[in-house]
Amino acid sequence: MESRLPPPKQILFHRNFVRMNWGWKIAIGYSAFVVFILFMVFKATRENFELVTPDYYNKELAFQSQIDKSVNARNSNQEIEVTFNAEGVQISYPNYANYKSVTGTVSFFRPSGGTMDRDFELAFNQQGKMQIPKHHFTKGRYLFQADWVGDGTAFYIERQIDIP
């Protein structure tokens, strides 16, 4: 006589999952979607969005004057040189002696973070040089912008520089 043993138990998870009611599958899928959306909202609210400048609209309106200043600098061969030495950044203006008065600003704009932007008033010595200590800067790429007026004529230049 053969003994009849009951069949081995099947894996309950596989059998129950396949035979799960379609309503439960929709509820699980919808719940997973809601959790994903909530996670994305949480991540998005923690992201820091910095504007390039807080008053970008006013600067955009004044952009034509900046173009005119750039044309003035290009046509009159005005150049400001930026070099790096052990003390920091040295700004040289070779045409400084040709003007009775030179006023303006230089800006070091850091695209990777607004907290590292630096603005300085032009203060050249008799040789037309200005030294900015290196503790004002961190290593990286900056957009150098010089906006100055020499004897009533406005000039503007900008260029990419890398501070070592």
C-alpha atoms as a PDB file:
ATOM      1  CA  MET A   1       0.000   0.000   0.000  1.00  0.00           C
ATOM      2  CA  GLU A   2       1.205   3.358  -0.927  1.00  0.00           C
ATOM      3  CA  SER A   3       0.987   6.102   1.574  1.00  0.00           C
ATOM      4  CA  ARG A   4      -0.443   9.232   0.259  1.00  0.00           C
ATOM      5  CA  LEU A   5       1.234  12.273   1.612  1.00  0.00           C
ATOM      6  CA  PRO A   6      -0.274  15.692   1.173  1.00  0.00           C
ATOM      7  CA  PRO A   7       1.387  17.774  -1.542  1.00  0.00           C
ATOM      8  CA  PRO A   8       4.161  20.095  -0.354  1.00  0.00           C
ATOM      9  CA  LYS A   9       3.045  23.544   0.595  1.00  0.00           C
ATOM     10  CA  GLN A  10       3.522  26.070  -2.144  1.00  0.00           C
ATOM     11  CA  ILE A  11       5.157  29.377  -1.544  1.00  0.00           C
ATOM     12  CA  LEU A  12       2.417  31.542  -0.107  1.00  0.00           C
ATOM     13  CA  PHE A  13       3.837  34.890  -1.279  1.00  0.00           C
ATOM     14  CA  HIS A  14       3.949  33.943  -4.932  1.00  0.00           C
ATOM     15  CA  ARG A  15       0.538  32.322  -4.948  1.00  0.00           C
ATOM     16  CA  ASN A  16      -1.156  35.124  -3.013  1.00  0.00           C
ATOM     17  CA  PHE A  17       0.515  37.886  -4.983  1.00  0.00           C
ATOM     18  CA  VAL A  18      -0.568  36.463  -8.294  1.00  0.00           C
ATOM     19  CA  ARG A  19      -4.096  35.951  -7.051  1.00  0.00           C
ATOM     20  CA  MET A  20      -4.316  39.348  -5.378  1.00  0.00           C
ATOM     21  CA  ASN A  21      -7.401  41.294  -6.288  1.00  0.00           C
ATOM     22  CA  TRP A  22      -6.767  43.970  -8.965  1.00  0.00           C
ATOM     23  CA  GLY A  23      -8.117  46.638  -6.613  1.00  0.00           C
ATOM     24  CA  TRP A  24      -5.271  45.990  -4.170  1.00  0.00           C
ATOM     25  CA  LYS A  25      -2.699  46.259  -6.972  1.00  0.00           C
ATOM     26  CA  ILE A  26      -4.083  49.646  -7.997  1.00  0.00           C
ATOM     27  CA  ALA A  27      -4.048  50.838  -4.373  1.00  0.00           C
ATOM     28  CA  ILE A  28      -0.427  49.746  -3.907  1.00  0.00           C
ATOM     29  CA  GLY A  29       0.634  51.386  -7.184  1.00  0.00           C
ATOM     30  CA  TYR A  30      -1.174  54.622  -6.301  1.00  0.00           C
ATOM     31  CA  SER A  31       0.344  54.664  -2.807  1.00  0.00           C
ATOM     32  CA  ALA A  32       3.849  54.172  -4.221  1.00  0.00           C
ATOM     33  CA  PHE A  33       3.241  57.078  -6.614  1.00  0.00           C
ATOM     34  CA  VAL A  34       2.064  59.351  -3.778  1.00  0.00           C
ATOM     35  CA  VAL A  35       5.126  58.479  -1.680  1.00  0.00           C
ATOM     36  CA  PHE A  36       7.392  59.243  -4.673  1.00  0.00           C
ATOM     37  CA  ILE A  37       5.709  62.633  -5.284  1.00  0.00           C
ATOM     38  CA  LEU A  38       5.964  63.563  -1.596  1.00  0.00           C
ATOM     39  CA  PHE A  39       9.655  62.656  -1.630  1.00  0.00           C
ATOM     40  CA  MET A  40      10.234  64.843  -4.715  1.00  0.00           C
ATOM     41  CA  VAL A  41       8.367  67.776  -3.124  1.00  0.00           C
ATOM     42  CA  PHE A  42      10.510  67.423  -0.008  1.00  0.00           C
ATOM     43  CA  LYS A  43      13.728  67.405  -2.074  1.00  0.00           C
ATOM     44  CA  ALA A  44      12.592  70.397  -4.183  1.00  0.00           C
ATOM     45  CA  THR A  45      11.791  72.545  -1.156  1.00  0.00           C
ATOM     46  CA  ARG A  46      15.297  71.964   0.214  1.00  0.00           C
ATOM     47  CA  GLU A  47      16.989  73.151  -3.027  1.00  0.00           C
ATOM     48  CA  ASN A  48      18.611  76.594  -2.913  1.00  0.00           C
ATOM     49  CA  PHE A  49      17.738  78.765  -5.914  1.00  0.00           C
ATOM     50  CA  GLU A  50      19.869  81.887  -6.050  1.00  0.00           C
ATOM     51  CA  LEU A  51      19.186  84.673  -8.495  1.00  0.00           C
ATOM     52  CA  VAL A  52      22.198  86.021 -10.339  1.00  0.00           C
ATOM     53  CA  THR A  53      21.342  89.446  -8.937  1.00  0.00           C
ATOM     54  CA  PRO A  54      18.341  90.395  -6.837  1.00  0.00           C
ATOM     55  CA  ASP A  55      17.562  93.373  -9.080  1.00  0.00           C
ATOM     56  CA  TYR A  56      17.957  91.596 -12.419  1.00  0.00           C
ATOM     57  CA  TYR A  57      15.020  93.478 -14.001  1.00  0.00           C
ATOM     58  CA  ASN A  58      16.595  96.908 -13.439  1.00  0.00           C
ATOM     59  CA  LYS A  59      19.936  95.648 -14.706  1.00  0.00           C
ATOM     60  CA  GLU A  60      18.275  94.312 -17.839  1.00  0.00           C
ATOM     61  CA  LEU A  61      16.756  97.730 -18.543  1.00  0.00           C
ATOM     62  CA  ALA A  62      20.203  99.347 -18.227  1.00  0.00           C
ATOM     63  CA  PHE A  63      21.896  96.771 -20.464  1.00  0.00           C
ATOM     64  CA  GLN A  64      22.101  99.078 -23.506  1.00  0.00           C
ATOM     65  CA  SER A  65      24.254 101.528 -21.540  1.00  0.00           C
ATOM     66  CA  GLN A  66      26.566  98.621 -20.665  1.00  0.00           C
ATOM     67  CA  ILE A  67      26.869  97.782 -24.383  1.00  0.00           C
ATOM     68  CA  ASP A  68      27.752 101.420 -25.122  1.00  0.00           C
ATOM     69  CA  LYS A  69      30.417 101.385 -22.405  1.00  0.00           C
ATOM     70  CA  SER A  70      31.906  98.183 -23.876  1.00  0.00           C
ATOM     71  CA  VAL A  71      32.052  99.794 -27.311  1.00  0.00           C
ATOM     72  CA  ASN A  72      33.804 102.837 -25.774  1.00  0.00           C
ATOM     73  CA  ALA A  73      36.411 100.585 -24.137  1.00  0.00           C
ATOM     74  CA  ARG A  74      36.989  98.610 -27.343  1.00  0.00           C
ATOM     75  CA  ASN A  75      37.237 101.661 -29.621  1.00  0.00           C
ATOM     76  CA  SER A  76      39.636 103.583 -27.382  1.00  0.00           C
ATOM     77  CA  ASN A  77      41.841 100.537 -26.582  1.00  0.00           C
ATOM     78  CA  GLN A  78      41.117 100.761 -22.859  1.00  0.00           C
ATOM     79  CA  GLU A  79      42.346  97.683 -21.071  1.00  0.00           C
ATOM     80  CA  ILE A  80      42.520  96.630 -17.463  1.00  0.00           C
ATOM     81  CA  GLU A  81      44.929  93.793 -16.719  1.00  0.00           C
ATOM     82  CA  VAL A  82      44.326  91.249 -13.982  1.00  0.00           C
ATOM     83  CA  THR A  83      47.299  89.308 -12.629  1.00  0.00           C
ATOM     84  CA  PHE A  84      47.862  87.065  -9.607  1.00  0.00           C
ATOM     85  CA  ASN A  85      50.758  87.244  -7.201  1.00  0.00           C
ATOM     86  CA  ALA A  86      51.574  86.006  -3.695  1.00  0.00           C
ATOM     87  CA  GLU A  87      49.586  88.818  -2.030  1.00  0.00           C
ATOM     88  CA  GLY A  88      46.433  88.343  -4.090  1.00  0.00           C
ATOM     89  CA  VAL A  89      44.922  89.872  -7.212  1.00  0.00           C
ATOM     90  CA  GLN A  90      46.594  92.846  -8.861  1.00  0.00           C
ATOM     91  CA  ILE A  91      44.577  95.066 -11.204  1.00  0.00           C
ATOM     92  CA  SER A  92      46.599  97.305 -13.530  1.00  0.00           C
ATOM     93  CA  TYR A  93      45.306 100.154 -15.680  1.00  0.00           C
ATOM     94  CA  PRO A  94      48.090 101.209 -18.078  1.00  0.00           C
ATOM     95  CA  ASN A  95      46.166 104.306 -19.284  1.00  0.00           C
ATOM     96  CA  TYR A  96      45.668 105.627 -15.749  1.00  0.00           C
ATOM     97  CA  ALA A  97      48.163 108.478 -16.217  1.00  0.00           C
ATOM     98  CA  ASN A  98      46.191 109.785 -19.234  1.00  0.00           C
ATOM     99  CA  TYR A  99      43.182 110.719 -17.067  1.00  0.00           C
ATOM    100  CA  LYS A 100      42.721 113.337 -14.385  1.00  0.00           C
ATOM    101  CA  SER A 101      40.088 111.295 -12.561  1.00  0.00           C
ATOM    102  CA  VAL A 102      39.145 107.638 -12.711  1.00  0.00           C
ATOM    103  CA  THR A 103      36.262 106.286 -10.642  1.00  0.00           C
ATOM    104  CA  GLY A 104      34.388 103.041 -10.792  1.00  0.00           C
ATOM    105  CA  THR A 105      34.012  99.515  -9.507  1.00  0.00           C
ATOM    106  CA  VAL A 106      35.366  96.057 -10.202  1.00  0.00           C
ATOM    107  CA  SER A 107      33.289  92.971  -9.543  1.00  0.00           C
ATOM    108  CA  PHE A 108      34.291  89.363  -9.261  1.00  0.00           C
ATOM    109  CA  PHE A 109      31.162  87.329 -10.004  1.00  0.00           C
ATOM    110  CA  ARG A 110      31.302  83.643  -9.019  1.00  0.00           C
ATOM    111  CA  PRO A 111      28.745  81.660 -11.064  1.00  0.00           C
ATOM    112  CA  SER A 112      28.827  78.698  -8.688  1.00  0.00           C
ATOM    113  CA  GLY A 113      27.691  80.647  -5.628  1.00  0.00           C
ATOM    114  CA  GLY A 114      26.403  84.122  -4.889  1.00  0.00           C
ATOM    115  CA  THR A 115      28.015  84.262  -1.482  1.00  0.00           C
ATOM    116  CA  MET A 116      31.469  84.320  -3.115  1.00  0.00           C
ATOM    117  CA  ASP A 117      30.808  87.415  -5.283  1.00  0.00           C
ATOM    118  CA  ARG A 118      33.066  90.369  -4.494  1.00  0.00           C
ATOM    119  CA  ASP A 119      32.739  94.088  -5.371  1.00  0.00           C
ATOM    120  CA  PHE A 120      35.480  96.697  -4.910  1.00  0.00           C
ATOM    121  CA  GLU A 121      35.800 100.403  -5.576  1.00  0.00           C
ATOM    122  CA  LEU A 122      38.642 101.327  -7.917  1.00  0.00           C
ATOM    123  CA  ALA A 123      41.552 102.786  -5.956  1.00  0.00           C
ATOM    124  CA  PHE A 124      44.631 102.922  -8.177  1.00  0.00           C
ATOM    125  CA  ASN A 125      48.000 104.102  -6.926  1.00  0.00           C
ATOM    126  CA  GLN A 126      50.214 106.500  -8.922  1.00  0.00           C
ATOM    127  CA  GLN A 127      51.428 103.656 -11.144  1.00  0.00           C
ATOM    128  CA  GLY A 128      47.851 102.670 -12.034  1.00  0.00           C
ATOM    129  CA  LYS A 129      47.842  99.501  -9.939  1.00  0.00           C
ATOM    130  CA  MET A 130      45.436  98.193  -7.336  1.00  0.00           C
ATOM    131  CA  GLN A 131      46.065  95.229  -5.027  1.00  0.00           C
ATOM    132  CA  ILE A 132      43.258  93.090  -3.556  1.00  0.00           C
ATOM    133  CA  PRO A 133      44.315  90.677  -0.778  1.00  0.00           C
ATOM    134  CA  LYS A 134      43.901  86.987  -1.522  1.00  0.00           C
ATOM    135  CA  HIS A 135      41.777  86.309   1.588  1.00  0.00           C
ATOM    136  CA  HIS A 136      38.808  87.850  -0.279  1.00  0.00           C
ATOM    137  CA  PHE A 137      38.767  85.007  -2.811  1.00  0.00           C
ATOM    138  CA  THR A 138      38.488  81.272  -3.020  1.00  0.00           C
ATOM    139  CA  LYS A 139      40.088  79.187  -5.719  1.00  0.00           C
ATOM    140  CA  GLY A 140      37.976  78.932  -8.862  1.00  0.00           C
ATOM    141  CA  ARG A 141      36.494  80.667 -11.891  1.00  0.00           C
ATOM    142  CA  TYR A 142      35.185  84.217 -11.698  1.00  0.00           C
ATOM    143  CA  LEU A 143      33.688  86.656 -14.153  1.00  0.00           C
ATOM    144  CA  PHE A 144      35.725  89.845 -13.812  1.00  0.00           C
ATOM    145  CA  GLN A 145      33.673  92.989 -14.535  1.00  0.00           C
ATOM    146  CA  ALA A 146      35.177  96.479 -14.549  1.00  0.00           C
ATOM    147  CA  ASP A 147      32.895  99.504 -14.857  1.00  0.00           C
ATOM    148  CA  TRP A 148      34.667 102.870 -14.693  1.00  0.00           C
ATOM    149  CA  VAL A 149      34.534 106.486 -15.806  1.00  0.00           C
ATOM    150  CA  GLY A 150      37.639 108.317 -16.965  1.00  0.00           C
ATOM    151  CA  ASP A 151      37.265 112.100 -17.454  1.00  0.00           C
ATOM    152  CA  GLY A 152      33.545 111.790 -18.142  1.00  0.00           C
ATOM    153  CA  THR A 153      33.727 108.815 -20.556  1.00  0.00           C
ATOM    154  CA  ALA A 154      32.244 105.539 -19.314  1.00  0.00           C
ATOM    155  CA  PHE A 155      33.942 102.184 -19.981  1.00  0.00           C
ATOM    156  CA  TYR A 156      33.096  98.556 -19.250  1.00  0.00           C
ATOM    157  CA  ILE A 157      34.944  95.282 -19.762  1.00  0.00           C
ATOM    158  CA  GLU A 158      34.375  91.744 -18.589  1.00  0.00           C
ATOM    159  CA  ARG A 159      36.270  88.502 -18.929  1.00  0.00           C
ATOM    160  CA  GLN A 160      36.571  85.059 -17.378  1.00  0.00           C
ATOM    161  CA  ILE A 161      39.463  84.598 -14.971  1.00  0.00           C
ATOM    162  CA  ASP A 162      40.627  81.645 -12.926  1.00  0.00           C
ATOM    163  CA  ILE A 163      41.982  82.381  -9.468  1.00  0.00           C
ATOM    164  CA  PRO A 164      44.581  79.781  -8.489  1.00  0.00           C
END
